[in-house]
N, C-alpha and C. Protein backbone atom coordinates (compact mmCIF):
# COMPACT_ATOMS: atom_id res chain seq x y z
N MET A 1 -29.68 -215.56 -44.15
CA MET A 1 -29.39 -215.03 -42.82
C MET A 1 -28.48 -213.82 -42.92
N PHE A 2 -27.42 -213.97 -43.68
CA PHE A 2 -26.45 -212.87 -43.83
C PHE A 2 -27.10 -211.65 -44.48
N SER A 3 -27.87 -211.91 -45.58
CA SER A 3 -28.51 -210.78 -46.29
C SER A 3 -29.52 -210.07 -45.39
N GLY A 4 -30.25 -210.84 -44.57
CA GLY A 4 -31.22 -210.22 -43.67
C GLY A 4 -30.54 -209.35 -42.64
N THR A 5 -29.38 -209.84 -42.12
CA THR A 5 -28.62 -209.06 -41.15
C THR A 5 -28.07 -207.80 -41.79
N LEU A 6 -27.59 -207.93 -43.02
CA LEU A 6 -27.04 -206.79 -43.74
C LEU A 6 -28.11 -205.74 -43.99
N VAL A 7 -29.28 -206.16 -44.45
CA VAL A 7 -30.38 -205.23 -44.69
C VAL A 7 -30.78 -204.54 -43.39
N GLY A 8 -30.85 -205.31 -42.31
CA GLY A 8 -31.23 -204.74 -41.03
C GLY A 8 -30.23 -203.73 -40.52
N SER A 9 -28.94 -203.92 -40.86
CA SER A 9 -27.91 -203.01 -40.39
C SER A 9 -27.84 -201.74 -41.22
N VAL A 10 -28.35 -201.78 -42.45
CA VAL A 10 -28.29 -200.62 -43.35
C VAL A 10 -29.60 -199.85 -43.35
N PHE A 11 -30.71 -200.57 -43.43
CA PHE A 11 -32.01 -199.90 -43.55
C PHE A 11 -32.73 -199.81 -42.21
N ASP A 12 -33.42 -198.71 -42.03
CA ASP A 12 -34.16 -198.44 -40.79
C ASP A 12 -35.55 -199.05 -40.90
N ARG A 13 -35.73 -200.22 -40.32
CA ARG A 13 -37.03 -200.89 -40.40
C ARG A 13 -38.11 -200.11 -39.67
N GLY A 14 -37.73 -199.40 -38.62
CA GLY A 14 -38.70 -198.59 -37.89
C GLY A 14 -39.25 -197.46 -38.74
N LEU A 15 -38.37 -196.85 -39.56
CA LEU A 15 -38.80 -195.73 -40.40
C LEU A 15 -39.83 -196.18 -41.43
N VAL A 16 -39.61 -197.32 -42.06
CA VAL A 16 -40.50 -197.74 -43.15
C VAL A 16 -41.87 -198.18 -42.64
N THR A 17 -42.03 -198.30 -41.33
CA THR A 17 -43.36 -198.62 -40.79
C THR A 17 -44.11 -197.37 -40.34
N ARG A 18 -43.46 -196.21 -40.37
CA ARG A 18 -44.11 -194.97 -39.97
C ARG A 18 -45.03 -194.51 -41.08
N TRP A 19 -46.25 -194.06 -40.76
CA TRP A 19 -47.22 -193.70 -41.79
C TRP A 19 -46.73 -192.53 -42.64
N GLN A 20 -45.91 -191.65 -42.06
CA GLN A 20 -45.42 -190.51 -42.82
C GLN A 20 -44.49 -190.97 -43.95
N TRP A 21 -43.62 -191.95 -43.63
CA TRP A 21 -42.71 -192.43 -44.65
C TRP A 21 -43.47 -193.22 -45.72
N VAL A 22 -44.48 -193.98 -45.31
CA VAL A 22 -45.28 -194.74 -46.27
C VAL A 22 -46.00 -193.79 -47.24
N CYS A 23 -46.49 -192.66 -46.72
CA CYS A 23 -47.22 -191.70 -47.56
C CYS A 23 -46.29 -190.92 -48.49
N ALA A 24 -45.03 -190.70 -48.08
CA ALA A 24 -44.12 -189.87 -48.87
C ALA A 24 -43.93 -190.38 -50.30
N PRO A 25 -43.61 -191.66 -50.53
CA PRO A 25 -43.49 -192.12 -51.92
C PRO A 25 -44.83 -192.13 -52.66
N LEU A 26 -45.94 -192.30 -51.92
CA LEU A 26 -47.25 -192.30 -52.57
C LEU A 26 -47.55 -190.96 -53.23
N LEU A 27 -47.11 -189.86 -52.62
CA LEU A 27 -47.32 -188.54 -53.22
C LEU A 27 -46.53 -188.41 -54.52
N TRP A 28 -45.36 -189.01 -54.57
CA TRP A 28 -44.58 -189.02 -55.82
C TRP A 28 -45.27 -189.86 -56.89
N VAL A 29 -45.93 -190.93 -56.48
CA VAL A 29 -46.69 -191.74 -57.43
C VAL A 29 -47.86 -190.93 -57.99
N VAL A 30 -48.55 -190.19 -57.12
CA VAL A 30 -49.66 -189.32 -57.57
C VAL A 30 -49.14 -188.33 -58.60
N LEU A 31 -48.00 -187.70 -58.32
CA LEU A 31 -47.41 -186.76 -59.27
C LEU A 31 -47.13 -187.43 -60.61
N SER A 32 -46.52 -188.61 -60.56
CA SER A 32 -46.16 -189.32 -61.78
C SER A 32 -47.40 -189.67 -62.61
N LEU A 33 -48.44 -190.15 -61.95
CA LEU A 33 -49.67 -190.51 -62.67
C LEU A 33 -50.33 -189.29 -63.29
N TYR A 34 -50.36 -188.18 -62.54
CA TYR A 34 -50.95 -186.95 -63.09
C TYR A 34 -50.13 -186.44 -64.27
N TRP A 35 -48.81 -186.45 -64.12
CA TRP A 35 -47.92 -185.97 -65.19
C TRP A 35 -48.13 -186.80 -66.47
N ASP A 36 -48.22 -188.12 -66.32
CA ASP A 36 -48.42 -188.99 -67.48
C ASP A 36 -49.75 -188.69 -68.16
N ALA A 37 -50.81 -188.51 -67.37
CA ALA A 37 -52.13 -188.24 -67.94
C ALA A 37 -52.16 -186.88 -68.62
N ALA A 38 -51.63 -185.86 -67.94
CA ALA A 38 -51.67 -184.50 -68.49
C ALA A 38 -50.73 -184.35 -69.68
N GLY A 39 -49.67 -185.16 -69.71
CA GLY A 39 -48.70 -185.06 -70.80
C GLY A 39 -49.25 -185.49 -72.15
N LYS A 40 -50.40 -186.14 -72.15
CA LYS A 40 -51.01 -186.57 -73.42
C LYS A 40 -51.74 -185.42 -74.11
N LYS A 41 -51.89 -184.27 -73.41
CA LYS A 41 -52.63 -183.14 -73.96
C LYS A 41 -51.72 -181.93 -74.08
N THR A 42 -50.77 -182.01 -75.00
CA THR A 42 -49.86 -180.89 -75.21
C THR A 42 -49.78 -180.57 -76.69
N ALA A 43 -49.32 -179.34 -76.98
CA ALA A 43 -49.19 -178.91 -78.36
C ALA A 43 -47.97 -179.57 -79.01
N GLU A 44 -47.94 -179.51 -80.33
CA GLU A 44 -46.81 -180.07 -81.07
C GLU A 44 -45.55 -179.28 -80.77
N THR A 45 -44.43 -179.99 -80.64
CA THR A 45 -43.16 -179.35 -80.32
C THR A 45 -42.53 -178.75 -81.56
N SER A 46 -42.08 -177.50 -81.43
CA SER A 46 -41.39 -176.82 -82.52
C SER A 46 -39.88 -177.04 -82.42
N SER A 47 -39.33 -176.92 -81.20
CA SER A 47 -37.91 -177.17 -80.98
C SER A 47 -37.72 -177.66 -79.56
N ALA A 48 -36.68 -178.46 -79.34
CA ALA A 48 -36.47 -179.03 -78.01
C ALA A 48 -34.99 -179.26 -77.74
N GLU A 49 -34.65 -179.41 -76.46
CA GLU A 49 -33.28 -179.70 -76.07
C GLU A 49 -32.87 -181.07 -76.59
N SER A 50 -31.58 -181.33 -76.58
CA SER A 50 -31.07 -182.61 -77.07
C SER A 50 -31.44 -183.75 -76.12
N ARG A 51 -31.42 -184.95 -76.64
CA ARG A 51 -31.72 -186.13 -75.81
C ARG A 51 -30.67 -186.27 -74.71
N ARG A 52 -29.43 -185.91 -75.02
CA ARG A 52 -28.37 -186.00 -74.02
C ARG A 52 -28.66 -185.06 -72.85
N SER A 53 -29.04 -183.82 -73.17
CA SER A 53 -29.34 -182.85 -72.12
C SER A 53 -30.51 -183.32 -71.27
N ARG A 54 -31.54 -183.82 -71.92
CA ARG A 54 -32.69 -184.33 -71.18
C ARG A 54 -32.30 -185.53 -70.32
N GLY A 55 -31.42 -186.38 -70.85
CA GLY A 55 -30.97 -187.54 -70.10
C GLY A 55 -30.21 -187.16 -68.84
N VAL A 56 -29.39 -186.12 -68.93
CA VAL A 56 -28.65 -185.64 -67.75
C VAL A 56 -29.64 -185.21 -66.67
N HIS A 57 -30.65 -184.46 -67.06
CA HIS A 57 -31.64 -184.00 -66.07
C HIS A 57 -32.37 -185.18 -65.44
N LEU A 58 -32.81 -186.11 -66.25
CA LEU A 58 -33.55 -187.27 -65.72
C LEU A 58 -32.69 -188.09 -64.76
N PHE A 59 -31.41 -188.25 -65.11
CA PHE A 59 -30.52 -188.99 -64.21
C PHE A 59 -30.41 -188.30 -62.86
N LEU A 60 -30.20 -186.98 -62.88
CA LEU A 60 -30.02 -186.23 -61.63
C LEU A 60 -31.27 -186.27 -60.76
N VAL A 61 -32.45 -186.02 -61.35
CA VAL A 61 -33.66 -185.94 -60.51
C VAL A 61 -34.08 -187.32 -60.00
N ASN A 62 -33.87 -188.36 -60.78
CA ASN A 62 -34.23 -189.70 -60.32
C ASN A 62 -33.26 -190.21 -59.26
N ALA A 63 -31.98 -189.91 -59.43
CA ALA A 63 -31.01 -190.28 -58.39
C ALA A 63 -31.32 -189.52 -57.11
N ALA A 64 -31.68 -188.24 -57.25
CA ALA A 64 -32.04 -187.44 -56.07
C ALA A 64 -33.26 -188.01 -55.37
N LEU A 65 -34.23 -188.48 -56.13
CA LEU A 65 -35.44 -189.05 -55.52
C LEU A 65 -35.11 -190.32 -54.73
N LEU A 66 -34.27 -191.17 -55.29
CA LEU A 66 -33.86 -192.37 -54.56
C LEU A 66 -33.13 -192.01 -53.27
N MET A 67 -32.33 -190.96 -53.33
CA MET A 67 -31.56 -190.54 -52.16
C MET A 67 -32.47 -189.98 -51.07
N VAL A 68 -33.48 -189.18 -51.43
CA VAL A 68 -34.34 -188.61 -50.39
C VAL A 68 -35.28 -189.65 -49.78
N LEU A 69 -35.55 -190.72 -50.50
CA LEU A 69 -36.45 -191.75 -49.99
C LEU A 69 -35.74 -192.88 -49.24
N ALA A 70 -34.44 -193.04 -49.44
CA ALA A 70 -33.72 -194.18 -48.85
C ALA A 70 -33.78 -194.16 -47.32
N PRO A 71 -34.37 -195.20 -46.72
CA PRO A 71 -34.54 -195.23 -45.25
C PRO A 71 -33.32 -195.81 -44.53
N LEU A 72 -32.22 -195.06 -44.54
CA LEU A 72 -30.98 -195.56 -43.94
C LEU A 72 -30.97 -195.36 -42.42
N ARG A 73 -30.20 -196.18 -41.74
CA ARG A 73 -30.08 -196.09 -40.28
C ARG A 73 -28.90 -195.20 -39.89
N HIS A 74 -29.00 -194.61 -38.70
CA HIS A 74 -27.89 -193.91 -38.05
C HIS A 74 -27.29 -192.79 -38.90
N MET A 75 -28.10 -192.16 -39.72
CA MET A 75 -27.57 -191.07 -40.57
C MET A 75 -28.51 -189.87 -40.52
N HIS A 76 -29.08 -189.54 -39.40
CA HIS A 76 -30.13 -188.53 -39.34
C HIS A 76 -29.59 -187.13 -39.04
N PHE A 77 -30.05 -186.16 -39.85
CA PHE A 77 -29.70 -184.77 -39.57
C PHE A 77 -30.78 -184.09 -38.74
N VAL A 78 -31.96 -184.71 -38.64
CA VAL A 78 -33.03 -184.26 -37.73
C VAL A 78 -33.54 -185.47 -36.98
N PRO A 79 -34.07 -185.27 -35.78
CA PRO A 79 -34.62 -186.42 -35.05
C PRO A 79 -35.86 -186.99 -35.74
N GLN A 80 -36.09 -188.27 -35.56
CA GLN A 80 -37.26 -188.92 -36.16
C GLN A 80 -38.47 -188.68 -35.26
N SER A 81 -38.93 -187.45 -35.22
CA SER A 81 -40.11 -187.14 -34.41
C SER A 81 -41.34 -187.10 -35.31
N ALA A 82 -42.49 -187.43 -34.74
CA ALA A 82 -43.73 -187.44 -35.51
C ALA A 82 -44.03 -186.05 -36.06
N ALA A 83 -43.74 -185.01 -35.27
CA ALA A 83 -44.04 -183.64 -35.70
C ALA A 83 -43.20 -183.24 -36.91
N ILE A 84 -41.89 -183.53 -36.86
CA ILE A 84 -41.01 -183.18 -37.98
C ILE A 84 -41.41 -183.95 -39.23
N MET A 85 -41.69 -185.24 -39.06
CA MET A 85 -42.07 -186.05 -40.21
C MET A 85 -43.41 -185.60 -40.80
N ALA A 86 -44.36 -185.24 -39.95
CA ALA A 86 -45.64 -184.74 -40.45
C ALA A 86 -45.46 -183.40 -41.15
N GLY A 87 -44.58 -182.56 -40.60
CA GLY A 87 -44.29 -181.28 -41.25
C GLY A 87 -43.66 -181.48 -42.62
N GLY A 88 -42.76 -182.46 -42.71
CA GLY A 88 -42.16 -182.77 -44.01
C GLY A 88 -43.19 -183.26 -45.00
N LEU A 89 -44.09 -184.11 -44.54
CA LEU A 89 -45.14 -184.63 -45.43
C LEU A 89 -46.07 -183.50 -45.88
N ALA A 90 -46.39 -182.57 -44.98
CA ALA A 90 -47.23 -181.43 -45.35
C ALA A 90 -46.53 -180.56 -46.39
N THR A 91 -45.21 -180.37 -46.23
CA THR A 91 -44.43 -179.61 -47.21
C THR A 91 -44.45 -180.30 -48.56
N GLU A 92 -44.28 -181.61 -48.54
CA GLU A 92 -44.31 -182.39 -49.79
C GLU A 92 -45.68 -182.27 -50.46
N ALA A 93 -46.76 -182.36 -49.69
CA ALA A 93 -48.11 -182.26 -50.25
C ALA A 93 -48.37 -180.87 -50.81
N ALA A 94 -47.88 -179.83 -50.12
CA ALA A 94 -48.04 -178.46 -50.63
C ALA A 94 -47.29 -178.29 -51.95
N GLY A 95 -46.10 -178.87 -52.03
CA GLY A 95 -45.33 -178.81 -53.27
C GLY A 95 -46.03 -179.51 -54.40
N LEU A 96 -46.64 -180.66 -54.10
CA LEU A 96 -47.40 -181.40 -55.11
C LEU A 96 -48.56 -180.55 -55.63
N CYS A 97 -49.29 -179.91 -54.73
CA CYS A 97 -50.42 -179.07 -55.14
C CYS A 97 -49.96 -177.91 -56.02
N LEU A 98 -48.85 -177.26 -55.63
CA LEU A 98 -48.33 -176.14 -56.42
C LEU A 98 -47.92 -176.61 -57.81
N ALA A 99 -47.23 -177.73 -57.89
CA ALA A 99 -46.78 -178.25 -59.19
C ALA A 99 -47.97 -178.56 -60.10
N ILE A 100 -49.03 -179.14 -59.54
CA ILE A 100 -50.20 -179.48 -60.35
C ILE A 100 -50.94 -178.23 -60.81
N VAL A 101 -51.11 -177.26 -59.90
CA VAL A 101 -51.79 -176.01 -60.28
C VAL A 101 -51.00 -175.30 -61.39
N ALA A 102 -49.67 -175.23 -61.22
CA ALA A 102 -48.84 -174.57 -62.24
C ALA A 102 -48.90 -175.32 -63.56
N ARG A 103 -48.88 -176.65 -63.49
CA ARG A 103 -48.97 -177.46 -64.71
C ARG A 103 -50.27 -177.20 -65.45
N ARG A 104 -51.36 -177.02 -64.72
CA ARG A 104 -52.66 -176.75 -65.34
C ARG A 104 -52.66 -175.39 -66.04
N HIS A 105 -51.97 -174.41 -65.45
CA HIS A 105 -51.90 -173.09 -66.08
C HIS A 105 -51.09 -173.11 -67.36
N LEU A 106 -50.07 -173.98 -67.42
CA LEU A 106 -49.28 -174.09 -68.66
C LEU A 106 -50.09 -174.74 -69.78
N GLY A 107 -50.97 -175.64 -69.42
CA GLY A 107 -51.85 -176.27 -70.40
C GLY A 107 -51.09 -176.94 -71.53
N LEU A 108 -51.43 -176.57 -72.75
CA LEU A 108 -50.85 -177.20 -73.94
C LEU A 108 -49.37 -176.92 -74.11
N TYR A 109 -48.85 -175.90 -73.40
CA TYR A 109 -47.46 -175.49 -73.61
C TYR A 109 -46.48 -176.19 -72.68
N TRP A 110 -46.98 -177.09 -71.83
CA TRP A 110 -46.08 -177.82 -70.94
C TRP A 110 -45.29 -178.87 -71.70
N SER A 111 -44.07 -179.10 -71.23
CA SER A 111 -43.26 -180.20 -71.75
C SER A 111 -42.26 -180.60 -70.69
N GLY A 112 -41.98 -181.90 -70.58
CA GLY A 112 -40.97 -182.35 -69.64
C GLY A 112 -39.58 -181.90 -70.06
N GLU A 113 -39.37 -181.83 -71.36
CA GLU A 113 -38.09 -181.36 -71.87
C GLU A 113 -38.16 -179.86 -72.10
N ILE A 114 -37.01 -179.23 -72.21
CA ILE A 114 -36.97 -177.80 -72.52
C ILE A 114 -37.33 -177.66 -73.99
N SER A 115 -38.44 -176.98 -74.26
CA SER A 115 -38.91 -176.92 -75.65
C SER A 115 -39.74 -175.66 -75.88
N ILE A 116 -39.97 -175.40 -77.15
CA ILE A 116 -40.91 -174.38 -77.59
C ILE A 116 -41.96 -175.10 -78.41
N LYS A 117 -43.23 -174.84 -78.08
CA LYS A 117 -44.32 -175.49 -78.78
C LYS A 117 -44.77 -174.66 -79.99
N VAL A 118 -45.46 -175.30 -80.90
CA VAL A 118 -46.06 -174.59 -82.03
C VAL A 118 -47.12 -173.63 -81.47
N GLY A 119 -47.04 -172.36 -81.84
CA GLY A 119 -47.99 -171.36 -81.35
C GLY A 119 -47.77 -170.99 -79.89
N HIS A 120 -46.57 -171.25 -79.39
CA HIS A 120 -46.26 -171.02 -77.98
C HIS A 120 -46.48 -169.56 -77.59
N ARG A 121 -47.07 -169.36 -76.41
CA ARG A 121 -47.17 -168.00 -75.85
C ARG A 121 -46.70 -168.04 -74.41
N LEU A 122 -46.31 -166.88 -73.92
CA LEU A 122 -45.80 -166.76 -72.56
C LEU A 122 -46.96 -166.77 -71.57
N ILE A 123 -46.93 -167.67 -70.61
CA ILE A 123 -47.99 -167.78 -69.61
C ILE A 123 -47.62 -166.94 -68.39
N ARG A 124 -48.55 -166.06 -67.97
CA ARG A 124 -48.31 -165.22 -66.79
C ARG A 124 -49.51 -165.25 -65.86
N SER A 125 -50.29 -166.30 -65.92
CA SER A 125 -51.48 -166.42 -65.06
C SER A 125 -51.18 -167.32 -63.87
N GLY A 126 -52.05 -167.27 -62.86
CA GLY A 126 -51.89 -168.12 -61.68
C GLY A 126 -50.55 -167.90 -61.02
N PRO A 127 -49.86 -168.98 -60.63
CA PRO A 127 -48.56 -168.81 -59.96
C PRO A 127 -47.50 -168.18 -60.86
N TYR A 128 -47.72 -168.22 -62.19
CA TYR A 128 -46.76 -167.62 -63.12
C TYR A 128 -46.81 -166.09 -63.10
N ALA A 129 -47.77 -165.52 -62.41
CA ALA A 129 -47.83 -164.06 -62.30
C ALA A 129 -46.63 -163.52 -61.54
N LYS A 130 -46.15 -164.27 -60.55
CA LYS A 130 -45.04 -163.81 -59.71
C LYS A 130 -43.79 -164.67 -59.82
N VAL A 131 -43.95 -165.93 -60.25
CA VAL A 131 -42.82 -166.88 -60.28
C VAL A 131 -42.71 -167.48 -61.67
N ARG A 132 -41.51 -167.50 -62.22
CA ARG A 132 -41.32 -167.99 -63.59
C ARG A 132 -41.30 -169.51 -63.68
N HIS A 133 -40.95 -170.18 -62.60
CA HIS A 133 -40.83 -171.65 -62.64
C HIS A 133 -41.53 -172.28 -61.45
N PRO A 134 -42.83 -172.06 -61.29
CA PRO A 134 -43.53 -172.60 -60.11
C PRO A 134 -43.60 -174.12 -60.06
N ILE A 135 -43.55 -174.78 -61.22
CA ILE A 135 -43.51 -176.25 -61.18
C ILE A 135 -42.24 -176.71 -60.48
N TYR A 136 -41.12 -176.07 -60.80
CA TYR A 136 -39.86 -176.45 -60.16
C TYR A 136 -39.89 -176.09 -58.68
N SER A 137 -40.53 -174.97 -58.33
CA SER A 137 -40.69 -174.62 -56.92
C SER A 137 -41.43 -175.73 -56.19
N GLY A 138 -42.53 -176.21 -56.80
CA GLY A 138 -43.31 -177.28 -56.19
C GLY A 138 -42.53 -178.57 -56.08
N LEU A 139 -41.79 -178.92 -57.12
CA LEU A 139 -41.01 -180.16 -57.09
C LEU A 139 -39.90 -180.10 -56.05
N LEU A 140 -39.24 -178.95 -55.95
CA LEU A 140 -38.18 -178.82 -54.94
C LEU A 140 -38.77 -178.87 -53.54
N ALA A 141 -39.97 -178.32 -53.36
CA ALA A 141 -40.64 -178.44 -52.06
C ALA A 141 -40.95 -179.91 -51.76
N MET A 142 -41.30 -180.67 -52.78
CA MET A 142 -41.53 -182.10 -52.58
C MET A 142 -40.26 -182.82 -52.14
N TYR A 143 -39.13 -182.50 -52.79
CA TYR A 143 -37.86 -183.09 -52.38
C TYR A 143 -37.53 -182.69 -50.94
N ALA A 144 -37.72 -181.41 -50.61
CA ALA A 144 -37.40 -180.93 -49.27
C ALA A 144 -38.28 -181.61 -48.22
N GLY A 145 -39.58 -181.72 -48.53
CA GLY A 145 -40.49 -182.38 -47.59
C GLY A 145 -40.15 -183.84 -47.39
N THR A 146 -39.83 -184.52 -48.48
CA THR A 146 -39.46 -185.94 -48.38
C THR A 146 -38.17 -186.11 -47.58
N ALA A 147 -37.22 -185.19 -47.79
CA ALA A 147 -35.96 -185.24 -47.04
C ALA A 147 -36.21 -185.09 -45.54
N LEU A 148 -37.18 -184.26 -45.16
CA LEU A 148 -37.52 -184.12 -43.74
C LEU A 148 -38.18 -185.38 -43.19
N VAL A 149 -39.01 -186.00 -44.02
CA VAL A 149 -39.65 -187.25 -43.58
C VAL A 149 -38.60 -188.32 -43.33
N THR A 150 -37.68 -188.49 -44.26
CA THR A 150 -36.63 -189.50 -44.12
C THR A 150 -35.60 -189.07 -43.08
N GLY A 151 -35.21 -187.80 -43.17
CA GLY A 151 -34.34 -187.21 -42.15
C GLY A 151 -32.89 -187.61 -42.17
N THR A 152 -32.41 -188.20 -43.28
CA THR A 152 -31.02 -188.66 -43.31
C THR A 152 -30.13 -187.66 -44.05
N TRP A 153 -28.83 -187.79 -43.80
CA TRP A 153 -27.87 -186.95 -44.52
C TRP A 153 -27.88 -187.28 -46.01
N LEU A 154 -28.15 -188.52 -46.36
CA LEU A 154 -28.25 -188.88 -47.77
C LEU A 154 -29.43 -188.15 -48.41
N ALA A 155 -30.54 -188.02 -47.68
CA ALA A 155 -31.70 -187.30 -48.19
C ALA A 155 -31.36 -185.83 -48.40
N LEU A 156 -30.56 -185.27 -47.50
CA LEU A 156 -30.13 -183.88 -47.65
C LEU A 156 -29.26 -183.72 -48.89
N ALA A 157 -28.40 -184.70 -49.13
CA ALA A 157 -27.57 -184.68 -50.35
C ALA A 157 -28.45 -184.82 -51.59
N GLY A 158 -29.51 -185.63 -51.49
CA GLY A 158 -30.44 -185.78 -52.61
C GLY A 158 -31.15 -184.47 -52.91
N LEU A 159 -31.54 -183.74 -51.86
CA LEU A 159 -32.16 -182.43 -52.05
C LEU A 159 -31.19 -181.47 -52.75
N ALA A 160 -29.93 -181.51 -52.34
CA ALA A 160 -28.92 -180.67 -52.99
C ALA A 160 -28.77 -181.05 -54.46
N MET A 161 -28.79 -182.35 -54.75
CA MET A 161 -28.69 -182.79 -56.15
C MET A 161 -29.89 -182.32 -56.97
N ALA A 162 -31.08 -182.38 -56.38
CA ALA A 162 -32.27 -181.87 -57.07
C ALA A 162 -32.14 -180.38 -57.33
N GLY A 163 -31.57 -179.65 -56.36
CA GLY A 163 -31.35 -178.22 -56.55
C GLY A 163 -30.41 -177.94 -57.70
N ILE A 164 -29.36 -178.73 -57.81
CA ILE A 164 -28.42 -178.59 -58.93
C ILE A 164 -29.12 -178.88 -60.25
N ALA A 165 -29.93 -179.95 -60.28
CA ALA A 165 -30.62 -180.34 -61.51
C ALA A 165 -31.57 -179.24 -61.98
N TYR A 166 -32.36 -178.68 -61.05
CA TYR A 166 -33.31 -177.65 -61.46
C TYR A 166 -32.65 -176.30 -61.68
N GLY A 167 -31.53 -176.04 -60.99
CA GLY A 167 -30.77 -174.83 -61.29
C GLY A 167 -30.24 -174.87 -62.72
N ARG A 168 -29.73 -176.03 -63.12
CA ARG A 168 -29.26 -176.21 -64.50
C ARG A 168 -30.41 -176.05 -65.49
N LYS A 169 -31.55 -176.65 -65.17
CA LYS A 169 -32.68 -176.59 -66.09
C LYS A 169 -33.22 -175.17 -66.23
N ILE A 170 -33.26 -174.44 -65.13
CA ILE A 170 -33.73 -173.04 -65.19
C ILE A 170 -32.81 -172.23 -66.09
N ARG A 171 -31.51 -172.40 -65.93
CA ARG A 171 -30.56 -171.65 -66.75
C ARG A 171 -30.77 -171.94 -68.24
N LEU A 172 -30.91 -173.21 -68.60
CA LEU A 172 -31.11 -173.58 -70.00
C LEU A 172 -32.48 -173.12 -70.51
N GLU A 173 -33.49 -173.26 -69.68
CA GLU A 173 -34.84 -172.89 -70.10
C GLU A 173 -34.98 -171.39 -70.30
N GLU A 174 -34.37 -170.61 -69.42
CA GLU A 174 -34.47 -169.17 -69.57
C GLU A 174 -33.73 -168.69 -70.81
N ARG A 175 -32.63 -169.33 -71.12
CA ARG A 175 -31.92 -168.99 -72.36
C ARG A 175 -32.80 -169.29 -73.57
N ASN A 176 -33.50 -170.41 -73.52
CA ASN A 176 -34.39 -170.82 -74.60
C ASN A 176 -35.57 -169.85 -74.74
N LEU A 177 -36.15 -169.45 -73.61
CA LEU A 177 -37.30 -168.54 -73.63
C LEU A 177 -36.90 -167.13 -74.06
N ARG A 178 -35.70 -166.69 -73.68
CA ARG A 178 -35.22 -165.38 -74.15
C ARG A 178 -35.07 -165.38 -75.66
N ALA A 179 -34.57 -166.49 -76.20
CA ALA A 179 -34.41 -166.58 -77.65
C ALA A 179 -35.76 -166.59 -78.36
N ALA A 180 -36.77 -167.22 -77.73
CA ALA A 180 -38.08 -167.33 -78.36
C ALA A 180 -38.93 -166.07 -78.23
N PHE A 181 -38.85 -165.39 -77.05
CA PHE A 181 -39.75 -164.28 -76.78
C PHE A 181 -39.07 -162.92 -76.65
N GLY A 182 -37.76 -162.89 -76.64
CA GLY A 182 -37.02 -161.64 -76.66
C GLY A 182 -37.39 -160.67 -75.55
N ALA A 183 -37.74 -159.44 -75.94
CA ALA A 183 -38.02 -158.36 -74.99
C ALA A 183 -39.19 -158.70 -74.07
N GLU A 184 -40.16 -159.47 -74.57
CA GLU A 184 -41.31 -159.84 -73.74
C GLU A 184 -40.85 -160.67 -72.54
N TYR A 185 -39.93 -161.59 -72.79
CA TYR A 185 -39.46 -162.43 -71.68
C TYR A 185 -38.55 -161.65 -70.76
N GLU A 186 -37.74 -160.74 -71.30
CA GLU A 186 -36.88 -159.93 -70.45
C GLU A 186 -37.71 -159.08 -69.50
N ALA A 187 -38.83 -158.52 -69.99
CA ALA A 187 -39.72 -157.74 -69.14
C ALA A 187 -40.32 -158.63 -68.05
N TYR A 188 -40.69 -159.83 -68.41
CA TYR A 188 -41.25 -160.79 -67.46
C TYR A 188 -40.23 -161.12 -66.38
N ARG A 189 -38.98 -161.32 -66.77
CA ARG A 189 -37.92 -161.63 -65.81
C ARG A 189 -37.75 -160.49 -64.80
N ARG A 190 -37.84 -159.25 -65.27
CA ARG A 190 -37.68 -158.10 -64.37
C ARG A 190 -38.83 -157.99 -63.37
N GLU A 191 -39.99 -158.51 -63.75
CA GLU A 191 -41.20 -158.35 -62.93
C GLU A 191 -41.53 -159.59 -62.10
N SER A 192 -40.65 -160.59 -62.10
CA SER A 192 -40.97 -161.86 -61.42
C SER A 192 -39.73 -162.43 -60.75
N TRP A 193 -39.94 -163.53 -60.01
CA TRP A 193 -38.87 -164.26 -59.35
C TRP A 193 -38.75 -165.64 -59.99
N ALA A 194 -37.59 -166.23 -59.91
CA ALA A 194 -37.39 -167.54 -60.55
C ALA A 194 -38.17 -168.64 -59.83
N LEU A 195 -38.02 -168.71 -58.49
CA LEU A 195 -38.63 -169.82 -57.74
C LEU A 195 -39.51 -169.40 -56.58
N ALA A 196 -39.13 -168.33 -55.87
CA ALA A 196 -39.87 -167.93 -54.68
C ALA A 196 -39.84 -166.41 -54.55
N PRO A 197 -41.00 -165.77 -54.49
CA PRO A 197 -41.04 -164.31 -54.37
C PRO A 197 -40.24 -163.82 -53.16
N GLY A 198 -39.41 -162.82 -53.41
CA GLY A 198 -38.62 -162.24 -52.34
C GLY A 198 -37.36 -162.98 -51.97
N LEU A 199 -37.18 -164.19 -52.52
CA LEU A 199 -36.00 -165.00 -52.17
C LEU A 199 -35.09 -165.25 -53.36
N PHE A 200 -35.66 -165.83 -54.43
CA PHE A 200 -34.85 -166.21 -55.57
C PHE A 200 -35.67 -166.17 -56.84
């Protein structure tokens, strides 16, 4: 009895019955399944970040995901309207599509960790023509969309945490790519944006 009352006072039972909230974690499951399947077709790694560094990133992004999905009560930064929640879900779906398209363009050179593959070359096709980290753009859009679906201040904090995690990863990855590709990567940096054309 006590635990049921406690759960009811903390979690928003109305939110978890909304189709938008039910669909939001399913899109993350689709991403995870695709990532696992595609991750089996990559080139051999030549060098990679430390396990500690990778662990820090995984902790941040997984904690952020739990935060954006948590259906808490009385903590909303936007109203729980069907239109806002549907807009958030559409943003999340668009981010998923961008991440998958970008992942396909990376092909054998993709890695979850910051690494250089054997025979690695710089990819500048598809979304990489204008944006250096379109997978991260897509993932951050997924966090933002999910945060709108949930609509809580905790979800907003989770989005901020995801931003910190990917900001850190971009900084480390660009340092790694400059070391591997030198002037070629510097030219690419001058001709592209990190996450969104015209913004960042």
